[in-house]
């Protein structure tokens, strides 16, 4: 693949030697692992000829920013909707908010992206159709609609989980005691109810962010964003296996780091675990 269709046997043999493909399989594997741990690299790209680490590092900032923006949008919207639903239990507003997850859970993320482009970009002209703008302001503005698209797939489960937890805490004895003591409902809700309700939803958020990484790669294709997603699709179409391996590896590492951060946040939110080692 590197040499092309009309390469000679001598050139192929020389390339085998250069890549170490003439070595025993166990030695090839040891070389691969050594390069992985010393350089953070899965080899040179077959298509671009540069290291996979450099390719991924060049595309990663846009993808990481998109994931961060999507997570922020999902958290903020979920907090507002879940709080409104829990404080208006069994009323019209609660029923409307509960219908939202049921309808949206079955919507494919790429279809949502195309629909938002058609309505908000093509017809209303609020956002660019695709690509990434220049500078921080242009970048954030151009990534807003993709972030909303990615967050759209995470909001339903977060709203459902947080609403259920908030209702359980609102009916607990300590909340009744706080109300009897004359503490304002707003203070009870913000300082006590939300904090005690957030822990299970936070764990769910950690799992969702792991899935959100995969969803982001698809959304990048829809909006024409040159991030890790477009690099992955290009590598798959060209059978560039080192790049595919590198992206899979760094995505796996990201999931582990996210899980660790969620555990730390859970420890901070739950006072009962702070005294335990």
Protein backbone atom coordinates (compact mmCIF):
# COMPACT_ATOMS: atom_id res chain seq x y z
CA UNK A 1 0.00 0.00 0.00
CA UNK A 2 2.85 2.40 0.76
CA UNK A 3 4.79 1.66 -2.43
CA UNK A 4 1.79 1.65 -4.75
CA UNK A 5 0.33 -0.82 -7.21
CA UNK A 6 3.35 -1.11 -9.51
CA UNK A 7 6.09 -1.65 -6.92
CA UNK A 8 8.84 -4.17 -7.62
CA UNK A 9 9.57 -7.26 -5.47
CA UNK A 10 12.91 -5.71 -4.49
CA UNK A 11 11.19 -2.53 -3.27
CA UNK A 12 8.65 -4.57 -1.32
CA UNK A 13 11.39 -6.62 0.32
CA UNK A 14 13.27 -3.45 1.24
CA UNK A 15 10.10 -1.92 2.73
CA UNK A 16 9.48 -5.12 4.74
CA UNK A 17 12.95 -4.75 6.22
CA UNK A 18 12.47 -1.05 6.92
CA UNK A 19 9.19 -1.67 8.75
CA UNK A 20 10.56 -4.71 10.57
CA UNK A 21 8.04 -7.06 8.99
CA UNK A 22 10.77 -9.64 8.35
CA UNK A 23 11.31 -10.07 12.10
CA UNK A 24 9.61 -12.76 14.22
CA UNK A 25 6.08 -11.85 15.29
CA UNK A 26 6.97 -11.61 18.99
CA UNK A 27 9.79 -9.17 18.22
CA UNK A 28 7.49 -7.05 16.06
CA UNK A 29 5.03 -6.90 18.95
CA UNK A 30 7.74 -5.91 21.47
CA UNK A 31 8.89 -3.15 19.12
CA UNK A 32 5.31 -1.93 18.78
CA UNK A 33 4.78 -1.86 22.57
CA UNK A 34 8.13 -0.15 23.16
CA UNK A 35 7.32 2.56 20.62
CA UNK A 36 3.89 2.93 22.15
CA UNK A 37 5.18 3.58 25.66
CA UNK A 38 8.25 5.64 24.73
CA UNK A 39 6.74 7.81 21.98
CA UNK A 40 2.99 7.40 22.44
CA UNK A 41 2.86 6.36 18.82
CA UNK A 42 1.35 3.42 16.95
CA UNK A 43 3.60 3.86 13.93
CA UNK A 44 3.83 5.98 10.81
CA UNK A 45 0.70 6.66 8.81
CA UNK A 46 0.50 4.72 5.55
CA UNK A 47 -1.28 7.59 3.80
CA UNK A 48 0.34 10.72 5.23
CA UNK A 49 3.76 9.29 6.09
CA UNK A 50 3.95 11.05 9.48
CA UNK A 51 3.57 9.61 12.97
CA UNK A 52 0.06 8.93 14.17
CA UNK A 53 0.79 10.90 17.34
CA UNK A 54 1.40 14.07 15.32
CA UNK A 55 -1.71 13.54 13.21
CA UNK A 56 -3.93 13.00 16.25
CA UNK A 57 -2.35 15.87 18.20
CA UNK A 58 -3.07 18.20 15.26
CA UNK A 59 -6.77 17.26 15.14
CA UNK A 60 -7.43 16.67 18.87
CA UNK A 61 -7.96 20.28 20.10
CA UNK A 62 -11.09 20.82 17.99
CA UNK A 63 -12.58 17.47 19.02
CA UNK A 64 -11.81 17.99 22.72
CA UNK A 65 -13.33 21.48 22.62
CA UNK A 66 -16.45 20.10 20.95
CA UNK A 67 -16.78 17.37 23.62
CA UNK A 68 -16.34 19.95 26.41
CA UNK A 69 -18.94 22.29 24.91
CA UNK A 70 -21.41 19.43 24.35
CA UNK A 71 -20.95 18.22 27.94
CA UNK A 72 -21.53 21.73 29.27
CA UNK A 73 -24.69 22.18 27.19
CA UNK A 74 -26.00 18.76 28.26
CA UNK A 75 -25.37 19.47 31.96
CA UNK A 76 -26.93 22.93 31.96
CA UNK A 77 -30.03 21.94 29.98
CA UNK A 78 -30.51 18.76 32.03
CA UNK A 79 -30.26 20.69 35.31
CA UNK A 80 -32.89 23.21 34.23
CA UNK A 81 -35.33 20.64 32.80
CA UNK A 82 -34.96 18.17 35.68
CA UNK A 83 -35.38 20.91 38.30
CA UNK A 84 -38.52 22.25 36.60
CA UNK A 85 -39.95 18.75 36.28
CA UNK A 86 -39.22 17.80 39.89
CA UNK A 87 -40.60 21.03 41.35
CA UNK A 88 -43.76 20.75 39.21
CA UNK A 89 -44.40 17.06 39.79
CA UNK A 90 -47.45 15.66 37.95
CA UNK A 91 -48.31 19.06 36.50
CA UNK A 92 -48.46 19.99 32.82
CA UNK A 93 -44.84 21.20 32.73
CA UNK A 94 -43.63 17.95 34.28
CA UNK A 95 -45.56 15.87 31.74
CA UNK A 96 -44.18 17.90 28.83
CA UNK A 97 -40.61 17.51 30.05
CA UNK A 98 -41.10 13.76 30.61
CA UNK A 99 -42.40 13.36 27.05
CA UNK A 100 -39.21 14.96 25.69
CA UNK A 101 -36.87 12.02 26.53
CA UNK A 102 -39.35 9.52 25.13
CA UNK A 103 -39.49 11.28 21.77
CA UNK A 104 -35.82 12.17 21.40
CA UNK A 105 -34.17 8.93 22.53
CA UNK A 106 -34.87 7.24 19.22
CA UNK A 107 -33.54 10.05 17.02
CA UNK A 108 -30.22 9.26 15.27
CA UNK A 109 -27.63 11.91 16.10
CA UNK A 110 -26.64 12.51 12.47
CA UNK A 111 -30.30 13.09 11.53
CA UNK A 112 -30.66 15.62 14.36
CA UNK A 113 -27.56 17.39 13.07
CA UNK A 114 -28.92 17.60 9.53
CA UNK A 115 -32.27 18.86 10.82
CA UNK A 116 -30.61 21.58 12.92
CA UNK A 117 -28.50 22.64 9.94
CA UNK A 118 -31.59 22.89 7.77
CA UNK A 119 -33.57 24.95 10.29
CA UNK A 120 -31.01 27.03 12.21
CA UNK A 121 -28.34 27.45 9.54
CA UNK A 122 -29.97 27.32 6.11
CA UNK A 123 -33.34 28.91 6.87
CA UNK A 124 -32.67 31.15 9.87
CA UNK A 125 -28.97 31.80 9.26
CA UNK A 126 -28.09 31.77 12.96
CA UNK A 127 -25.10 29.45 12.66
CA UNK A 128 -22.63 28.48 9.92
CA UNK A 129 -23.49 25.34 7.96
CA UNK A 130 -20.15 23.70 8.69
CA UNK A 131 -16.44 24.09 9.21
CA UNK A 132 -14.53 25.86 11.96
CA UNK A 133 -14.16 29.63 12.20
CA UNK A 134 -10.97 31.60 12.81
CA UNK A 135 -9.89 32.69 16.28
CA UNK A 136 -11.45 31.71 19.59
CA UNK A 137 -14.67 33.60 18.95
CA UNK A 138 -15.12 32.12 15.49
CA UNK A 139 -14.26 28.63 16.72
CA UNK A 140 -16.71 28.72 19.63
CA UNK A 141 -19.44 30.17 17.42
CA UNK A 142 -19.00 27.57 14.68
CA UNK A 143 -18.90 24.69 17.21
CA UNK A 144 -22.08 25.79 19.02
CA UNK A 145 -24.51 23.99 16.72
CA UNK A 146 -22.43 20.75 16.62
CA UNK A 147 -22.21 20.88 20.43
CA UNK A 148 -25.99 21.22 20.70
CA UNK A 149 -26.35 18.25 18.34
CA UNK A 150 -24.03 16.06 20.40
CA UNK A 151 -25.66 17.16 23.68
CA UNK A 152 -29.09 16.36 22.26
CA UNK A 153 -28.34 12.64 22.51
CA UNK A 154 -27.27 12.89 26.16
CA UNK A 155 -29.94 15.17 27.62
CA UNK A 156 -32.88 12.68 27.73
CA UNK A 157 -31.20 10.11 29.99
CA UNK A 158 -29.69 12.79 32.23
CA UNK A 159 -33.03 14.54 32.70
CA UNK A 160 -34.80 11.30 33.52
CA UNK A 161 -32.15 10.24 36.05
CA UNK A 162 -31.79 13.63 37.75
CA UNK A 163 -35.56 14.14 38.00
CA UNK A 164 -36.02 10.76 39.70
CA UNK A 165 -33.21 11.47 42.17
CA UNK A 166 -34.51 14.96 42.97
CA UNK A 167 -38.01 13.67 43.66
CA UNK A 168 -36.56 11.07 46.04
CA UNK A 169 -34.54 13.70 47.92
CA UNK A 170 -37.44 16.18 48.03
CA UNK A 171 -39.53 13.57 49.83
CA UNK A 172 -36.81 12.71 52.37
CA UNK A 173 -37.06 13.59 56.08
CA UNK A 174 -34.20 16.10 56.19
CA UNK A 175 -35.85 18.24 53.47
CA UNK A 176 -39.11 18.26 55.43
CA UNK A 177 -37.14 19.38 58.51
CA UNK A 178 -35.44 22.16 56.55
CA UNK A 179 -38.81 23.40 55.28
CA UNK A 180 -40.23 23.32 58.81
CA UNK A 181 -37.27 25.41 59.98
CA UNK A 182 -38.33 28.14 57.56
CA UNK A 183 -35.42 27.86 55.16
CA UNK A 184 -36.41 29.22 51.71
CA UNK A 185 -37.22 26.62 49.07
CA UNK A 186 -34.64 28.09 46.70
CA UNK A 187 -31.85 27.57 49.24
CA UNK A 188 -33.02 24.03 50.00
CA UNK A 189 -33.15 23.19 46.31
CA UNK A 190 -29.79 24.66 45.34
CA UNK A 191 -27.75 23.80 48.42
CA UNK A 192 -29.17 20.46 49.54
CA UNK A 193 -31.43 18.80 46.98
CA UNK A 194 -29.26 19.25 43.90
CA UNK A 195 -26.06 18.19 45.65
CA UNK A 196 -27.60 15.03 47.08
CA UNK A 197 -29.28 14.21 43.77
CA UNK A 198 -26.25 14.78 41.57
CA UNK A 199 -24.17 11.74 42.54
CA UNK A 200 -26.06 8.99 40.62
CA UNK A 201 -26.55 11.32 37.66
CA UNK A 202 -22.86 12.20 37.73
CA UNK A 203 -21.95 8.52 37.41
CA UNK A 204 -24.38 8.26 34.48
CA UNK A 205 -22.79 11.35 32.95
CA UNK A 206 -19.41 9.65 33.04
CA UNK A 207 -20.77 6.72 31.06
CA UNK A 208 -22.56 9.06 28.65
CA UNK A 209 -19.42 11.12 28.00
CA UNK A 210 -17.65 7.92 27.01
CA UNK A 211 -20.38 7.28 24.43
CA UNK A 212 -20.36 10.97 23.58
CA UNK A 213 -16.81 10.62 22.23
CA UNK A 214 -18.09 8.22 19.57
CA UNK A 215 -21.06 10.46 18.79
CA UNK A 216 -18.75 13.43 18.37
CA UNK A 217 -16.77 11.61 15.68
CA UNK A 218 -19.97 11.15 13.65
CA UNK A 219 -21.15 14.73 14.15
CA UNK A 220 -17.82 16.03 12.90
CA UNK A 221 -18.55 14.39 9.56
CA UNK A 222 -22.02 15.96 9.39
CA UNK A 223 -20.69 19.48 10.05
CA UNK A 224 -17.46 19.14 8.06
CA UNK A 225 -15.23 19.66 11.09
CA UNK A 226 -11.62 18.58 10.62
CA UNK A 227 -11.17 16.83 13.92
CA UNK A 228 -10.36 13.30 14.99
CA UNK A 229 -13.66 12.07 13.52
CA UNK A 230 -12.82 13.14 9.99
CA UNK A 231 -9.32 11.72 10.43
CA UNK A 232 -10.78 8.38 11.54
CA UNK A 233 -13.21 8.14 8.63
CA UNK A 234 -10.44 9.05 6.20
CA UNK A 235 -8.12 6.44 7.72
CA UNK A 236 -10.82 3.76 7.52
CA UNK A 237 -11.56 4.51 3.87
CA UNK A 238 -7.83 4.35 3.04
CA UNK A 239 -7.15 1.34 5.29
CA UNK A 240 -4.58 3.30 7.25
CA UNK A 241 -4.33 0.86 10.14
CA UNK A 242 -1.72 2.67 12.29
CA UNK A 243 -3.92 5.79 12.42
CA UNK A 244 -7.02 3.71 13.25
CA UNK A 245 -5.12 1.97 16.05
CA UNK A 246 -3.85 5.29 17.40
CA UNK A 247 -7.30 6.88 17.48
CA UNK A 248 -8.81 3.82 19.16
CA UNK A 249 -6.01 3.84 21.74
CA UNK A 250 -6.31 7.52 22.60
CA UNK A 251 -10.12 7.28 22.79
CA UNK A 252 -9.74 4.39 25.25
CA UNK A 253 -7.29 6.43 27.34
CA UNK A 254 -9.75 9.34 27.32
CA UNK A 255 -12.52 7.09 28.66
CA UNK A 256 -10.26 5.94 31.52
CA UNK A 257 -9.33 9.54 32.40
CA UNK A 258 -12.99 10.61 32.32
CA UNK A 259 -13.93 7.74 34.63
CA UNK A 260 -11.19 8.78 37.05
CA UNK A 261 -12.37 12.40 37.06
CA UNK A 262 -15.95 11.30 37.69
CA UNK A 263 -14.79 9.22 40.66
CA UNK A 264 -12.94 12.23 42.09
CA UNK A 265 -16.00 14.45 41.59
CA UNK A 266 -18.19 11.83 43.29
CA UNK A 267 -15.82 11.75 46.25
CA UNK A 268 -16.04 15.54 46.50
CA UNK A 269 -19.85 15.63 46.26
CA UNK A 270 -20.52 12.85 48.78
CA UNK A 271 -19.27 13.88 52.26
CA UNK A 272 -19.73 10.31 53.52
CA UNK A 273 -16.78 9.11 51.42
CA UNK A 274 -14.34 11.87 52.43
CA UNK A 275 -13.35 10.18 55.66
CA UNK A 276 -12.66 6.86 53.97
CA UNK A 277 -9.31 5.93 52.48
